Amino acid sequence: MSRSFIFIVLVAVTLSACQMSGTDDAGATHAHEQSVVYPETTDQGLPFSDAVRVDNMLYLSGAVGNLPGTLEVVEGGIAGETRQVMENIQATLEKYGSSMSEVVKCTIMLENIDDWAAMNDVYVTFFPGHKPARSAFGADGLALNALVEIECFATVQ
């Protein structure tokens, strides 16, 4: 499967989600969307929110293993980065009224798919009970030259 095809599918899914959320092309909010979260990412000049809430769902943007409040990725290879990514995700979930136990789906992008087992060793420690649905794939070039990026969807009460 070509990268172009994957990109087109991701764009189509994103556009579909925006239409379902009740956001029009101008970014106006409609009745379905309860809130849009504009966190510290905008303070760093990043062109996205770290999370958007629609009804009882919280959609997190992809997170990399950066130190909170910086654009500096932690050291420690795939294990160190995965731990930091998951800590960043946990902090974001808690900030917006959710938790790791409310995560229903994660998508994992790895700079090197051969790092899957080492990433998984850390990832599973953050889900000791339930296991969210998950997808993982190799990617060519992640933000901040990270080794791993993870996005999650979670419920929020």
C-alpha atoms as a PDB file:
ATOM      1  CA  MET A   1       0.000   0.000   0.000  1.00  0.00           C
ATOM      2  CA  SER A   2       1.505   3.331  -0.980  1.00  0.00           C
ATOM      3  CA  ARG A   3       2.091   6.200   1.437  1.00  0.00           C
ATOM      4  CA  SER A   4       0.032   8.451  -0.830  1.00  0.00           C
ATOM      5  CA  PHE A   5      -2.954   6.122  -0.495  1.00  0.00           C
ATOM      6  CA  ILE A   6      -2.599   6.044   3.307  1.00  0.00           C
ATOM      7  CA  PHE A   7      -2.368   9.847   3.402  1.00  0.00           C
ATOM      8  CA  ILE A   8      -5.504  10.203   1.253  1.00  0.00           C
ATOM      9  CA  VAL A   9      -7.403   7.792   3.513  1.00  0.00           C
ATOM     10  CA  LEU A  10      -6.297   9.684   6.636  1.00  0.00           C
ATOM     11  CA  VAL A  11      -7.392  12.996   5.108  1.00  0.00           C
ATOM     12  CA  ALA A  12     -10.768  11.519   4.142  1.00  0.00           C
ATOM     13  CA  VAL A  13     -11.304  10.149   7.646  1.00  0.00           C
ATOM     14  CA  THR A  14     -10.332  13.475   9.195  1.00  0.00           C
ATOM     15  CA  LEU A  15     -12.697  15.405   6.923  1.00  0.00           C
ATOM     16  CA  SER A  16     -15.480  12.957   7.665  1.00  0.00           C
ATOM     17  CA  ALA A  17     -14.895  13.340  11.413  1.00  0.00           C
ATOM     18  CA  CYS A  18     -15.047  17.133  11.073  1.00  0.00           C
ATOM     19  CA  GLN A  19     -18.341  16.888   9.216  1.00  0.00           C
ATOM     20  CA  MET A  20     -19.754  14.514  11.829  1.00  0.00           C
ATOM     21  CA  SER A  21     -18.604  16.767  14.658  1.00  0.00           C
ATOM     22  CA  GLY A  22     -20.625  19.643  13.266  1.00  0.00           C
ATOM     23  CA  THR A  23     -17.736  21.871  12.252  1.00  0.00           C
ATOM     24  CA  ASP A  24     -18.075  23.619   8.930  1.00  0.00           C
ATOM     25  CA  ASP A  25     -15.261  24.657   6.571  1.00  0.00           C
ATOM     26  CA  ALA A  26     -14.898  27.990   8.392  1.00  0.00           C
ATOM     27  CA  GLY A  27     -14.399  26.202  11.717  1.00  0.00           C
ATOM     28  CA  ALA A  28     -17.758  27.264  13.161  1.00  0.00           C
ATOM     29  CA  THR A  29     -19.016  25.024  15.949  1.00  0.00           C
ATOM     30  CA  HIS A  30     -22.371  23.286  15.653  1.00  0.00           C
ATOM     31  CA  ALA A  31     -24.559  21.612  18.270  1.00  0.00           C
ATOM     32  CA  HIS A  32     -22.713  18.239  18.397  1.00  0.00           C
ATOM     33  CA  GLU A  33     -19.368  19.707  19.353  1.00  0.00           C
ATOM     34  CA  GLN A  34     -19.268  20.554  23.043  1.00  0.00           C
ATOM     35  CA  SER A  35     -15.856  22.138  23.160  1.00  0.00           C
ATOM     36  CA  VAL A  36     -12.616  22.620  21.324  1.00  0.00           C
ATOM     37  CA  VAL A  37      -9.523  22.585  23.485  1.00  0.00           C
ATOM     38  CA  TYR A  38      -6.734  25.031  22.642  1.00  0.00           C
ATOM     39  CA  PRO A  39      -3.919  24.198  25.057  1.00  0.00           C
ATOM     40  CA  GLU A  40      -0.254  24.986  25.351  1.00  0.00           C
ATOM     41  CA  THR A  41       0.361  23.755  21.805  1.00  0.00           C
ATOM     42  CA  THR A  42      -0.885  27.073  20.508  1.00  0.00           C
ATOM     43  CA  ASP A  43       1.537  28.861  22.846  1.00  0.00           C
ATOM     44  CA  GLN A  44       4.366  26.950  21.156  1.00  0.00           C
ATOM     45  CA  GLY A  45       3.130  27.999  17.722  1.00  0.00           C
ATOM     46  CA  LEU A  46       1.856  24.526  16.814  1.00  0.00           C
ATOM     47  CA  PRO A  47      -1.114  24.515  14.423  1.00  0.00           C
ATOM     48  CA  PHE A  48      -3.361  22.086  16.339  1.00  0.00           C
ATOM     49  CA  SER A  49      -5.092  21.417  19.639  1.00  0.00           C
ATOM     50  CA  ASP A  50      -3.834  18.638  21.863  1.00  0.00           C
ATOM     51  CA  ALA A  51      -7.431  17.430  22.228  1.00  0.00           C
ATOM     52  CA  VAL A  52     -10.919  18.079  20.919  1.00  0.00           C
ATOM     53  CA  ARG A  53     -14.071  16.978  22.718  1.00  0.00           C
ATOM     54  CA  VAL A  54     -17.189  15.996  20.784  1.00  0.00           C
ATOM     55  CA  ASP A  55     -20.082  14.832  22.943  1.00  0.00           C
ATOM     56  CA  ASN A  56     -18.574  12.231  25.308  1.00  0.00           C
ATOM     57  CA  MET A  57     -15.501  11.530  23.172  1.00  0.00           C
ATOM     58  CA  LEU A  58     -12.072  13.076  23.575  1.00  0.00           C
ATOM     59  CA  TYR A  59      -9.840  12.916  20.479  1.00  0.00           C
ATOM     60  CA  LEU A  60      -6.161  13.444  21.257  1.00  0.00           C
ATOM     61  CA  SER A  61      -3.689  14.615  18.647  1.00  0.00           C
ATOM     62  CA  GLY A  62      -0.662  12.440  18.098  1.00  0.00           C
ATOM     63  CA  ALA A  63       1.815  12.778  20.950  1.00  0.00           C
ATOM     64  CA  VAL A  64       5.567  12.300  20.819  1.00  0.00           C
ATOM     65  CA  GLY A  65       7.983  11.840  23.704  1.00  0.00           C
ATOM     66  CA  ASN A  66       8.770  15.493  24.262  1.00  0.00           C
ATOM     67  CA  LEU A  67       9.349  16.980  27.673  1.00  0.00           C
ATOM     68  CA  PRO A  68       6.129  18.821  28.636  1.00  0.00           C
ATOM     69  CA  GLY A  69       6.158  22.456  27.561  1.00  0.00           C
ATOM     70  CA  THR A  70       9.124  21.946  25.214  1.00  0.00           C
ATOM     71  CA  LEU A  71       9.840  20.675  21.729  1.00  0.00           C
ATOM     72  CA  GLU A  72      12.694  18.520  23.071  1.00  0.00           C
ATOM     73  CA  VAL A  73      12.313  14.738  22.738  1.00  0.00           C
ATOM     74  CA  VAL A  74      13.577  12.744  25.727  1.00  0.00           C
ATOM     75  CA  GLU A  75      16.594  10.475  25.511  1.00  0.00           C
ATOM     76  CA  GLY A  76      16.420   6.741  26.096  1.00  0.00           C
ATOM     77  CA  GLY A  77      15.573   5.347  22.685  1.00  0.00           C
ATOM     78  CA  ILE A  78      12.227   3.752  21.921  1.00  0.00           C
ATOM     79  CA  ALA A  79      11.584   2.727  25.550  1.00  0.00           C
ATOM     80  CA  GLY A  80      12.289   6.192  26.945  1.00  0.00           C
ATOM     81  CA  GLU A  81      10.263   7.922  24.259  1.00  0.00           C
ATOM     82  CA  THR A  82       7.323   5.529  24.613  1.00  0.00           C
ATOM     83  CA  ARG A  83       7.202   6.074  28.388  1.00  0.00           C
ATOM     84  CA  GLN A  84       7.228   9.864  27.887  1.00  0.00           C
ATOM     85  CA  VAL A  85       4.559   9.667  25.154  1.00  0.00           C
ATOM     86  CA  MET A  86       2.294   7.673  27.442  1.00  0.00           C
ATOM     87  CA  GLU A  87       2.910  10.052  30.362  1.00  0.00           C
ATOM     88  CA  ASN A  88       2.072  12.978  28.066  1.00  0.00           C
ATOM     89  CA  ILE A  89      -1.133  11.229  26.940  1.00  0.00           C
ATOM     90  CA  GLN A  90      -2.091  10.442  30.531  1.00  0.00           C
ATOM     91  CA  ALA A  91      -1.589  14.094  31.550  1.00  0.00           C
ATOM     92  CA  THR A  92      -3.686  15.320  28.617  1.00  0.00           C
ATOM     93  CA  LEU A  93      -6.498  12.883  29.393  1.00  0.00           C
ATOM     94  CA  GLU A  94      -6.560  13.886  33.047  1.00  0.00           C
ATOM     95  CA  LYS A  95      -6.418  17.572  32.152  1.00  0.00           C
ATOM     96  CA  TYR A  96      -9.674  17.208  30.211  1.00  0.00           C
ATOM     97  CA  GLY A  97     -11.567  14.915  32.585  1.00  0.00           C
ATOM     98  CA  SER A  98     -10.683  11.471  31.277  1.00  0.00           C
ATOM     99  CA  SER A  99      -8.134   8.791  32.166  1.00  0.00           C
ATOM    100  CA  MET A 100      -6.138   5.892  30.764  1.00  0.00           C
ATOM    101  CA  SER A 101      -8.962   3.535  31.765  1.00  0.00           C
ATOM    102  CA  GLU A 102     -11.282   5.470  29.414  1.00  0.00           C
ATOM    103  CA  VAL A 103      -9.065   5.044  26.313  1.00  0.00           C
ATOM    104  CA  VAL A 104     -10.898   3.085  23.620  1.00  0.00           C
ATOM    105  CA  LYS A 105      -8.492   3.287  20.656  1.00  0.00           C
ATOM    106  CA  CYS A 106      -4.832   4.115  20.031  1.00  0.00           C
ATOM    107  CA  THR A 107      -2.916   4.486  16.799  1.00  0.00           C
ATOM    108  CA  ILE A 108       0.837   4.010  17.022  1.00  0.00           C
ATOM    109  CA  MET A 109       3.283   5.270  14.417  1.00  0.00           C
ATOM    110  CA  LEU A 110       6.837   3.961  14.620  1.00  0.00           C
ATOM    111  CA  GLU A 111       9.840   5.365  12.810  1.00  0.00           C
ATOM    112  CA  ASN A 112      11.062   1.764  12.631  1.00  0.00           C
ATOM    113  CA  ILE A 113       8.460  -1.011  12.782  1.00  0.00           C
ATOM    114  CA  ASP A 114      11.195  -3.275  14.201  1.00  0.00           C
ATOM    115  CA  ASP A 115      10.795  -1.247  17.447  1.00  0.00           C
ATOM    116  CA  TRP A 116       7.266  -2.633  17.904  1.00  0.00           C
ATOM    117  CA  ALA A 117       8.174  -5.176  20.628  1.00  0.00           C
ATOM    118  CA  ALA A 118      10.249  -2.693  22.661  1.00  0.00           C
ATOM    119  CA  MET A 119       7.516  -0.049  22.360  1.00  0.00           C
ATOM    120  CA  ASN A 120       4.877  -2.603  23.351  1.00  0.00           C
ATOM    121  CA  ASP A 121       6.805  -3.586  26.504  1.00  0.00           C
ATOM    122  CA  VAL A 122       6.317  -0.039  27.817  1.00  0.00           C
ATOM    123  CA  TYR A 123       2.891   0.651  26.262  1.00  0.00           C
ATOM    124  CA  VAL A 124       1.139  -2.269  27.983  1.00  0.00           C
ATOM    125  CA  THR A 125       2.210  -1.058  31.442  1.00  0.00           C
ATOM    126  CA  PHE A 126      -0.141   1.911  31.013  1.00  0.00           C
ATOM    127  CA  PHE A 127      -3.122  -0.402  30.434  1.00  0.00           C
ATOM    128  CA  PRO A 128      -2.932  -2.996  33.228  1.00  0.00           C
ATOM    129  CA  GLY A 129      -6.667  -3.781  33.026  1.00  0.00           C
ATOM    130  CA  HIS A 130      -8.519  -3.170  29.800  1.00  0.00           C
ATOM    131  CA  LYS A 131      -6.705  -3.123  26.486  1.00  0.00           C
ATOM    132  CA  PRO A 132      -7.897  -0.475  24.012  1.00  0.00           C
ATOM    133  CA  ALA A 133      -8.280  -1.289  20.334  1.00  0.00           C
ATOM    134  CA  ARG A 134      -5.006  -0.494  18.617  1.00  0.00           C
ATOM    135  CA  SER A 135      -3.300  -0.100  15.272  1.00  0.00           C
ATOM    136  CA  ALA A 136       0.424   0.233  14.650  1.00  0.00           C
ATOM    137  CA  PHE A 137       2.403   0.974  11.517  1.00  0.00           C
ATOM    138  CA  GLY A 138       5.807   2.086  10.371  1.00  0.00           C
ATOM    139  CA  ALA A 139       6.159   5.717   9.341  1.00  0.00           C
ATOM    140  CA  ASP A 140       8.829   7.584   7.462  1.00  0.00           C
ATOM    141  CA  GLY A 141       9.632  10.703   9.451  1.00  0.00           C
ATOM    142  CA  LEU A 142       7.780  11.698  12.614  1.00  0.00           C
ATOM    143  CA  ALA A 143       7.490  15.133  14.207  1.00  0.00           C
ATOM    144  CA  LEU A 144      10.626  16.301  16.038  1.00  0.00           C
ATOM    145  CA  ASN A 145      12.466  13.254  14.601  1.00  0.00           C
ATOM    146  CA  ALA A 146      10.738  11.128  17.238  1.00  0.00           C
ATOM    147  CA  LEU A 147      10.886   7.334  17.187  1.00  0.00           C
ATOM    148  CA  VAL A 148       7.220   6.926  18.156  1.00  0.00           C
ATOM    149  CA  GLU A 149       3.993   8.930  17.960  1.00  0.00           C
ATOM    150  CA  ILE A 150       0.718   7.800  19.520  1.00  0.00           C
ATOM    151  CA  GLU A 151      -2.786   9.202  19.226  1.00  0.00           C
ATOM    152  CA  CYS A 152      -5.713   8.079  21.361  1.00  0.00           C
ATOM    153  CA  PHE A 153      -9.479   8.377  21.575  1.00  0.00           C
ATOM    154  CA  ALA A 154     -11.107   8.219  25.004  1.00  0.00           C
ATOM    155  CA  THR A 155     -14.498   8.642  26.569  1.00  0.00           C
ATOM    156  CA  VAL A 156     -15.115  11.418  29.059  1.00  0.00           C
ATOM    157  CA  GLN A 157     -17.973  11.635  31.554  1.00  0.00           C
END
